[in-house]
């Protein structure tokens, strides 16, 4: 399943590489796509759904990044 997120703290390709590597180390995350445009947008493909809190725990290892679920406003 694919879910969209916003990762705050992304500012360069190095940030993307670090966050992608950290997320993809989790056994339930198959793929993490993170973009500079729009800044910090992310699509995470998971075999088993993880909560935002669980994803944040992974990012806490890196310091300086926060993740929220992307919600469309109408």
Protein backbone atom coordinates (compact mmCIF):
# COMPACT_ATOMS: atom_id res chain seq x y z
CA UNK A 1 0.00 0.00 0.00
CA UNK A 2 1.16 3.52 -0.79
CA UNK A 3 0.60 6.45 1.53
CA UNK A 4 1.50 10.12 1.14
CA UNK A 5 3.33 12.06 3.82
CA UNK A 6 4.99 15.41 4.46
CA UNK A 7 8.49 15.24 5.95
CA UNK A 8 9.64 18.53 7.42
CA UNK A 9 13.36 19.23 7.62
CA UNK A 10 14.21 18.08 4.06
CA UNK A 11 16.43 20.66 2.37
CA UNK A 12 18.79 18.80 0.03
CA UNK A 13 19.63 15.53 -1.68
CA UNK A 14 21.70 14.44 1.32
CA UNK A 15 18.65 14.79 3.56
CA UNK A 16 16.63 12.69 1.13
CA UNK A 17 19.29 9.97 1.03
CA UNK A 18 19.53 9.77 4.84
CA UNK A 19 15.77 9.69 5.40
CA UNK A 20 15.19 7.19 2.57
CA UNK A 21 17.89 4.84 3.92
CA UNK A 22 16.52 5.03 7.47
CA UNK A 23 12.93 4.37 6.40
CA UNK A 24 13.80 1.54 4.01
CA UNK A 25 15.70 -0.30 6.77
CA UNK A 26 12.32 -1.11 8.36
CA UNK A 27 11.11 -4.57 7.23
CA UNK A 28 7.57 -3.32 6.45
CA UNK A 29 8.73 -0.46 4.20
CA UNK A 30 9.28 -1.57 0.62
CA UNK A 31 10.10 1.81 -0.89
CA UNK A 32 10.37 5.44 0.19
CA UNK A 33 10.19 8.20 -2.42
CA UNK A 34 11.01 11.67 -1.12
CA UNK A 35 10.95 14.83 -3.20
CA UNK A 36 12.50 18.31 -3.10
CA UNK A 37 9.56 19.69 -5.12
CA UNK A 38 7.25 20.05 -3.36
CA UNK A 39 9.75 20.11 -0.51
CA UNK A 40 9.50 17.09 1.76
CA UNK A 41 6.65 15.36 -0.06
CA UNK A 42 6.95 11.60 0.36
CA UNK A 43 5.29 8.46 -0.91
CA UNK A 44 5.99 5.41 1.23
CA UNK A 45 5.12 1.92 0.02
CA UNK A 46 4.54 -0.53 2.87
CA UNK A 47 3.76 -4.23 3.09
CA UNK A 48 2.07 -3.61 6.46
CA UNK A 49 0.74 -0.21 7.44
CA UNK A 50 2.78 1.75 9.98
CA UNK A 51 1.36 4.61 12.02
CA UNK A 52 2.73 8.14 11.77
CA UNK A 53 4.10 7.67 15.31
CA UNK A 54 5.99 4.55 14.25
CA UNK A 55 7.44 6.39 11.24
CA UNK A 56 8.41 9.32 13.47
CA UNK A 57 10.26 6.93 15.79
CA UNK A 58 12.39 5.85 12.83
CA UNK A 59 13.12 9.47 11.89
CA UNK A 60 13.99 10.37 15.49
CA UNK A 61 17.27 8.47 14.94
CA UNK A 62 18.31 11.24 12.53
CA UNK A 63 17.12 14.30 14.49
CA UNK A 64 15.53 17.32 12.86
CA UNK A 65 12.82 15.59 10.82
CA UNK A 66 9.10 15.37 11.50
CA UNK A 67 6.53 13.45 9.49
CA UNK A 68 2.80 14.00 9.07
CA UNK A 69 0.25 12.23 6.92
CA UNK A 70 -0.58 14.23 3.80
CA UNK A 71 -4.23 15.18 3.74
CA UNK A 72 -5.91 16.90 0.83
CA UNK A 73 -7.88 19.97 1.78
CA UNK A 74 -11.05 20.70 -0.13
